[in-house]
Amino acid sequence: MKYLTLLLLLHVSIFAKDATVKQLFNVQTVKVKTTNASMSQKYYGYVKEDDSKVYDVSPRFDGYIEELKANKTYMYVQKGTLLATVYSPEVLRAKEEYLSIYSFTKKFPNKAMVESAKERLTLLGVNPKEIEMIEKEGKTSRTTNIYAPESGYIFEKSVTSGSAFSIRQNLFKIVNLSNVWVEVAIYPQDYELISKLNDFLISSPAGNFKAKKEMLYPRVSAKDAPFTLRVSVQNPKGKLIGGMYVSVSADTKKESTLTLPSSAVIFKNGKYYVFIKGEYQGEYEPRVIEAKELDANTYSVKGLQNGDEVVNNALFMMDSDAQINGLY
């Protein structure tokens, strides 16, 4: 096995002053030590609407838009807001039938008939308050109201004032942003690590947000084969919006691991190296190791033992001489 000997460094500075020669021999070392530490991971992802908070407003009847209240895309509506007043011959007939039966059963009680006629209106999507008004006022309205099922932004609108619409047509899509998802790209080498991460921090132009892990999707991207992790974020003020690019960080639980300062590790040609103290004075052997960054100043390492002594802050000298001698 080849060793890197500091005496070789003299060929670089044979004519140097004594102070320079001294500096070449002043190699600082550090010992590998066992530490209880957590690993900080950083990823990137995109904000996406929470599927469970997307609401389609689709009528159960044919009709015409008489008055369109929700007339702008991306306008915000509260739950119960009037979206549109519509005319539907089918609904009008059902309302008149209900009024007739309701009036008849006041004189000749028949609860089953009333409930059956009322159920038909309910199945057509007529608002309960409108049914109550028929009972209270003893008359029907020619038009019917469509209300927002939940609070949110109108992401899609397929009608204008006077439009005709058909049964099951999606008139509006309302998206509630009080909770959103972030889809995070996770590369194969971190697949096992993800099981140890639960709490995440989302950093975005809109601020920082805490997030919880939901699931790792059971598929990979065909393009570059990353996994996709979904985290869920509370977003009550709606600052996070779909398509926003964010960074996602998380810390593992503290575990016992071998560590070295980052100044003791070199990354070269896709591999991590350290220079471990050799058998003789002034000899250091380059060794390939596994390393993961714990923070900006520390690596978690494998391939070494607790107490091993490696070069610390003189790696720039060792790297240069090792290249000259073809050690790595």
Protein backbone atom coordinates (compact mmCIF):
# COMPACT_ATOMS: atom_id res chain seq x y z
CA MET A 1 0.00 0.00 0.00
CA LYS A 2 1.29 3.43 -0.88
CA TYR A 3 1.62 6.06 1.84
CA LEU A 4 1.84 9.78 1.54
CA THR A 5 5.01 10.96 3.30
CA LEU A 6 5.39 14.54 4.32
CA LEU A 7 9.06 14.43 3.45
CA LEU A 8 7.97 14.51 -0.19
CA LEU A 9 6.60 17.96 0.40
CA LEU A 10 10.19 19.20 0.64
CA HIS A 11 10.55 18.97 -3.13
CA VAL A 12 8.03 21.81 -3.37
CA SER A 13 9.96 24.08 -1.03
CA ILE A 14 13.60 22.98 -1.00
CA PHE A 15 14.70 26.57 -1.38
CA ALA A 16 12.12 27.99 0.97
CA LYS A 17 12.91 29.73 4.22
CA ASP A 18 13.00 27.73 7.47
CA ALA A 19 9.59 29.10 8.50
CA THR A 20 8.01 27.57 5.40
CA VAL A 21 9.58 24.16 6.00
CA LYS A 22 8.30 24.21 9.57
CA GLN A 23 4.80 25.00 8.36
CA LEU A 24 4.84 22.00 6.00
CA PHE A 25 5.50 19.69 8.93
CA ASN A 26 2.90 21.38 11.13
CA VAL A 27 0.09 19.04 10.08
CA GLN A 28 -2.86 19.24 12.42
CA THR A 29 -4.83 16.07 13.12
CA VAL A 30 -8.17 15.30 14.67
CA LYS A 31 -9.60 12.08 16.09
CA VAL A 32 -12.78 10.42 14.92
CA LYS A 33 -15.26 10.58 17.77
CA THR A 34 -18.65 9.16 18.65
CA THR A 35 -21.37 11.82 19.00
CA ASN A 36 -25.09 11.84 19.63
CA ALA A 37 -26.25 13.97 16.73
CA SER A 38 -29.13 14.53 14.38
CA MET A 39 -28.76 14.83 10.63
CA SER A 40 -30.15 17.86 8.86
CA GLN A 41 -31.68 17.13 5.44
CA LYS A 42 -32.71 19.68 2.84
CA TYR A 43 -34.92 19.07 -0.18
CA TYR A 44 -36.98 21.08 -2.66
CA GLY A 45 -40.56 20.87 -3.80
CA TYR A 46 -43.67 22.59 -5.10
CA VAL A 47 -46.85 23.67 -3.34
CA LYS A 48 -49.98 21.88 -4.55
CA GLU A 49 -53.65 22.19 -3.64
CA ASP A 50 -54.90 19.64 -1.11
CA ASP A 51 -57.16 17.31 -3.14
CA SER A 52 -59.53 16.91 -0.21
CA LYS A 53 -60.18 20.66 -0.24
CA VAL A 54 -61.15 20.98 -3.90
CA TYR A 55 -64.91 21.29 -4.51
CA ASP A 56 -66.79 20.98 -7.80
CA VAL A 57 -70.15 22.72 -8.11
CA SER A 58 -72.13 20.56 -10.55
CA PRO A 59 -75.93 20.85 -10.86
CA ARG A 60 -78.19 17.80 -10.84
CA PHE A 61 -80.47 19.37 -13.43
CA ASP A 62 -80.47 21.31 -16.71
CA GLY A 63 -81.03 25.04 -16.64
CA TYR A 64 -80.02 28.61 -17.46
CA ILE A 65 -77.98 31.21 -15.59
CA GLU A 66 -80.33 34.05 -14.66
CA GLU A 67 -77.84 36.01 -12.53
CA LEU A 68 -74.17 35.21 -12.04
CA LYS A 69 -72.81 36.46 -8.71
CA ALA A 70 -69.48 34.61 -8.82
CA ASN A 71 -68.45 36.23 -12.09
CA LYS A 72 -64.64 36.37 -11.75
CA THR A 73 -62.06 33.61 -11.72
CA TYR A 74 -59.93 33.51 -8.53
CA MET A 75 -62.40 35.57 -6.53
CA TYR A 76 -62.74 34.40 -2.92
CA VAL A 77 -66.11 33.16 -1.65
CA GLN A 78 -67.26 32.14 1.81
CA LYS A 79 -69.17 28.93 2.45
CA GLY A 80 -72.85 29.60 1.71
CA THR A 81 -72.16 32.54 -0.63
CA LEU A 82 -74.68 32.85 -3.48
CA LEU A 83 -72.85 31.86 -6.65
CA ALA A 84 -75.68 32.03 -9.19
CA THR A 85 -79.44 32.28 -9.55
CA VAL A 86 -80.69 29.81 -12.16
CA TYR A 87 -83.90 28.80 -13.90
CA SER A 88 -84.64 25.10 -14.35
CA PRO A 89 -88.01 23.80 -15.66
CA GLU A 90 -87.37 20.47 -13.89
CA VAL A 91 -86.72 22.08 -10.50
CA LEU A 92 -89.68 24.44 -10.87
CA ARG A 93 -92.00 21.47 -11.54
CA ALA A 94 -90.62 19.65 -8.50
CA LYS A 95 -91.14 22.71 -6.30
CA GLU A 96 -94.74 23.18 -7.51
CA GLU A 97 -95.43 19.50 -6.92
CA TYR A 98 -94.06 19.76 -3.39
CA LEU A 99 -96.15 22.85 -2.64
CA SER A 100 -99.28 21.07 -3.91
CA ILE A 101 -98.63 17.98 -1.78
CA TYR A 102 -97.67 20.05 1.25
CA SER A 103 -100.89 22.07 1.01
CA PHE A 104 -103.01 18.95 0.43
CA THR A 105 -101.60 17.10 3.45
CA LYS A 106 -102.46 19.97 5.76
CA LYS A 107 -106.10 18.88 5.33
CA PHE A 108 -105.41 15.19 4.76
CA PRO A 109 -102.19 14.34 6.65
CA ASN A 110 -99.86 11.96 4.81
CA LYS A 111 -96.32 12.20 6.08
CA ALA A 112 -94.93 9.72 3.53
CA MET A 113 -96.20 11.79 0.56
CA VAL A 114 -94.65 14.98 1.95
CA GLU A 115 -91.32 13.30 2.67
CA SER A 116 -91.20 11.74 -0.79
CA ALA A 117 -91.81 15.08 -2.54
CA LYS A 118 -89.30 16.81 -0.27
CA GLU A 119 -86.71 14.10 -0.95
CA ARG A 120 -87.00 14.77 -4.68
CA LEU A 121 -86.10 18.44 -4.14
CA THR A 122 -83.20 17.45 -1.89
CA LEU A 123 -81.86 15.05 -4.50
CA LEU A 124 -82.02 17.79 -7.12
CA GLY A 125 -79.80 19.91 -4.85
CA VAL A 126 -82.37 22.51 -3.79
CA ASN A 127 -81.15 24.32 -0.69
CA PRO A 128 -83.04 23.41 2.56
CA LYS A 129 -83.70 27.11 3.23
CA GLU A 130 -85.51 27.37 -0.11
CA ILE A 131 -87.70 24.39 0.78
CA GLU A 132 -88.53 26.04 4.11
CA MET A 133 -89.57 29.23 2.28
CA ILE A 134 -92.04 27.22 0.16
CA GLU A 135 -93.62 25.85 3.32
CA LYS A 136 -93.62 29.24 5.09
CA GLU A 137 -94.85 31.47 2.24
CA GLY A 138 -97.08 28.95 0.44
CA LYS A 139 -95.64 29.79 -2.97
CA THR A 140 -92.70 28.85 -5.22
CA SER A 141 -90.00 30.93 -6.82
CA ARG A 142 -89.36 30.59 -10.56
CA THR A 143 -85.62 30.57 -9.94
CA THR A 144 -83.31 28.51 -7.76
CA ASN A 145 -80.10 29.55 -6.00
CA ILE A 146 -76.73 27.79 -6.14
CA TYR A 147 -74.47 28.36 -3.12
CA ALA A 148 -70.78 27.76 -2.38
CA PRO A 149 -70.35 24.40 -0.60
CA GLU A 150 -67.15 25.58 1.12
CA SER A 151 -64.99 28.69 1.43
CA GLY A 152 -62.22 29.13 -1.10
CA TYR A 153 -61.06 30.61 -4.39
CA ILE A 154 -62.90 30.04 -7.67
CA PHE A 155 -60.17 28.40 -9.71
CA GLU A 156 -62.47 27.51 -12.62
CA LYS A 157 -65.72 29.00 -13.95
CA SER A 158 -67.42 27.55 -17.03
CA VAL A 159 -70.51 29.82 -17.34
CA THR A 160 -71.41 33.47 -17.89
CA SER A 161 -74.66 35.37 -17.38
CA GLY A 162 -77.36 33.83 -19.59
CA SER A 163 -75.45 30.58 -20.18
CA ALA A 164 -77.34 27.34 -20.55
CA PHE A 165 -75.92 24.40 -18.60
CA SER A 166 -76.59 20.69 -18.51
CA ILE A 167 -76.87 18.15 -15.75
CA ARG A 168 -73.48 17.21 -14.22
CA GLN A 169 -71.71 20.12 -15.93
CA ASN A 170 -69.03 21.55 -13.64
CA LEU A 171 -69.99 25.21 -13.23
CA PHE A 172 -67.35 26.16 -10.66
CA LYS A 173 -64.26 24.66 -9.06
CA ILE A 174 -63.60 26.06 -5.58
CA VAL A 175 -60.23 25.47 -3.90
CA ASN A 176 -59.76 25.98 -0.17
CA LEU A 177 -56.13 26.86 0.65
CA SER A 178 -56.39 26.59 4.45
CA ASN A 179 -54.32 23.42 4.09
CA VAL A 180 -51.98 22.64 1.20
CA TRP A 181 -49.58 19.91 0.15
CA VAL A 182 -45.93 20.19 -0.78
CA GLU A 183 -44.62 17.50 -3.11
CA VAL A 184 -40.92 16.92 -2.45
CA ALA A 185 -38.42 15.17 -4.72
CA ILE A 186 -36.53 12.46 -2.80
CA TYR A 187 -33.65 10.67 -4.50
CA PRO A 188 -33.07 6.91 -4.03
CA GLN A 189 -30.12 7.28 -1.65
CA ASP A 190 -32.41 8.96 0.91
CA TYR A 191 -35.26 6.46 0.58
CA GLU A 192 -34.52 4.71 3.90
CA LEU A 193 -33.84 7.98 5.69
CA ILE A 194 -37.34 9.32 4.97
CA SER A 195 -38.84 6.79 7.41
CA LYS A 196 -36.94 8.59 10.20
CA LEU A 197 -38.27 12.04 9.31
CA ASN A 198 -41.68 13.29 10.45
CA ASP A 199 -41.57 17.03 11.12
CA PHE A 200 -40.54 19.37 8.32
CA LEU A 201 -39.95 23.08 7.90
CA ILE A 202 -41.08 24.78 4.70
CA SER A 203 -39.11 27.89 3.69
CA SER A 204 -40.75 30.05 1.04
CA PRO A 205 -40.97 33.67 -0.15
CA ALA A 206 -44.16 33.85 1.95
CA GLY A 207 -42.37 32.79 5.16
CA ASN A 208 -41.65 29.62 7.11
CA PHE A 209 -44.25 26.95 7.85
CA LYS A 210 -44.28 23.70 9.82
CA ALA A 211 -45.32 20.60 7.90
CA LYS A 212 -46.18 16.98 8.62
CA LYS A 213 -45.27 13.96 6.53
CA GLU A 214 -48.29 12.38 4.84
CA MET A 215 -47.03 9.72 2.48
CA LEU A 216 -44.37 8.59 0.06
CA TYR A 217 -46.05 8.09 -3.31
CA PRO A 218 -46.01 4.47 -4.57
CA ARG A 219 -44.42 5.46 -7.88
CA VAL A 220 -41.30 7.18 -9.19
CA SER A 221 -40.73 9.75 -11.89
CA ALA A 222 -39.95 8.13 -15.23
CA LYS A 223 -37.70 11.06 -16.14
CA ASP A 224 -35.05 11.02 -13.41
CA ALA A 225 -36.36 8.38 -10.96
CA PRO A 226 -36.86 10.41 -7.76
CA PHE A 227 -39.50 9.42 -5.25
CA THR A 228 -42.14 11.95 -4.30
CA LEU A 229 -42.85 12.70 -0.66
CA ARG A 230 -46.02 14.56 0.25
CA VAL A 231 -46.10 16.78 3.33
CA SER A 232 -49.15 18.64 4.62
CA VAL A 233 -49.02 22.30 5.66
CA GLN A 234 -51.53 24.38 7.62
CA ASN A 235 -52.01 27.57 5.59
CA PRO A 236 -54.82 29.56 7.31
CA LYS A 237 -53.89 32.89 5.70
CA GLY A 238 -53.48 31.40 2.23
CA LYS A 239 -49.90 32.64 1.83
CA LEU A 240 -48.74 29.40 0.21
CA ILE A 241 -50.20 29.04 -3.27
CA GLY A 242 -50.12 26.30 -5.89
CA GLY A 243 -46.93 26.09 -7.95
CA MET A 244 -44.78 27.96 -5.42
CA TYR A 245 -41.19 26.60 -5.27
CA VAL A 246 -40.04 25.98 -1.69
CA SER A 247 -37.21 24.39 0.27
CA VAL A 248 -38.04 21.64 2.74
CA SER A 249 -35.78 20.75 5.67
CA ALA A 250 -35.95 18.22 8.48
CA ASP A 251 -33.75 16.82 11.25
CA THR A 252 -33.48 13.16 12.17
CA LYS A 253 -33.70 12.04 15.77
CA LYS A 254 -30.39 12.12 17.65
CA GLU A 255 -28.42 8.91 17.21
CA SER A 256 -24.93 7.73 18.04
CA THR A 257 -22.65 8.24 15.05
CA LEU A 258 -18.97 8.68 14.18
CA THR A 259 -18.17 12.28 13.28
CA LEU A 260 -15.41 14.41 11.81
CA PRO A 261 -15.20 18.15 11.18
CA SER A 262 -15.91 19.02 7.55
CA SER A 263 -12.34 20.35 7.18
CA ALA A 264 -11.07 16.76 7.55
CA VAL A 265 -13.02 15.36 4.59
CA ILE A 266 -12.34 15.81 0.87
CA PHE A 267 -14.95 15.12 -1.83
CA LYS A 268 -13.28 14.17 -5.10
CA ASN A 269 -14.46 12.33 -8.23
CA GLY A 270 -17.71 11.32 -6.57
CA LYS A 271 -16.04 9.91 -3.44
CA TYR A 272 -15.24 11.12 0.05
CA TYR A 273 -11.66 10.83 1.33
CA VAL A 274 -9.79 11.34 4.58
CA PHE A 275 -6.04 11.07 5.25
CA ILE A 276 -5.54 8.67 8.15
CA LYS A 277 -2.35 8.56 10.19
CA GLY A 278 -0.01 5.82 8.98
CA GLU A 279 2.31 3.40 10.73
CA TYR A 280 5.34 5.71 10.72
CA GLN A 281 5.79 9.29 11.80
CA GLY A 282 4.78 11.72 9.09
CA GLU A 283 2.94 9.16 6.96
CA TYR A 284 -0.75 9.54 6.02
CA GLU A 285 -2.86 7.17 3.96
CA PRO A 286 -5.77 8.41 1.78
CA ARG A 287 -8.87 6.35 2.53
CA VAL A 288 -12.28 6.27 0.87
CA ILE A 289 -15.12 6.62 3.39
CA GLU A 290 -18.87 7.18 3.47
CA ALA A 291 -19.86 10.65 4.66
CA LYS A 292 -23.09 12.56 5.20
CA GLU A 293 -23.36 16.17 6.20
CA LEU A 294 -24.82 16.68 9.69
CA ASP A 295 -24.47 20.45 9.49
CA ALA A 296 -22.22 23.03 7.83
CA ASN A 297 -19.24 22.03 10.00
CA THR A 298 -19.66 18.30 10.67
CA TYR A 299 -19.86 15.00 8.79
CA SER A 300 -21.23 11.68 9.94
CA VAL A 301 -18.75 9.06 8.66
CA LYS A 302 -18.51 5.32 8.06
CA GLY A 303 -15.37 3.30 7.24
CA LEU A 304 -13.41 4.53 10.24
CA GLN A 305 -13.23 3.63 13.93
CA ASN A 306 -13.65 5.72 17.04
CA GLY A 307 -10.26 7.25 17.90
CA ASP A 308 -8.74 7.01 14.40
CA GLU A 309 -6.51 10.02 13.77
CA VAL A 310 -6.84 11.90 10.48
CA VAL A 311 -5.44 15.09 9.00
CA ASN A 312 -7.65 18.07 9.83
CA ASN A 313 -6.80 21.46 8.37
CA ALA A 314 -3.84 20.57 6.16
CA LEU A 315 -5.83 18.72 3.52
CA PHE A 316 -4.96 21.23 0.80
CA MET A 317 -1.29 20.20 1.14
CA MET A 318 -2.07 16.52 1.28
CA ASP A 319 -4.34 16.74 -1.74
CA SER A 320 -1.69 18.44 -3.84
CA ASP A 321 1.03 15.95 -2.98
CA ALA A 322 -1.23 12.95 -3.36
CA GLN A 323 -2.04 14.02 -6.92
CA ILE A 324 1.66 14.41 -7.69
CA ASN A 325 2.32 10.86 -6.46
CA GLY A 326 -0.83 9.38 -8.02
CA LEU A 327 -2.16 8.06 -4.74
CA TYR A 328 -5.79 8.86 -5.67
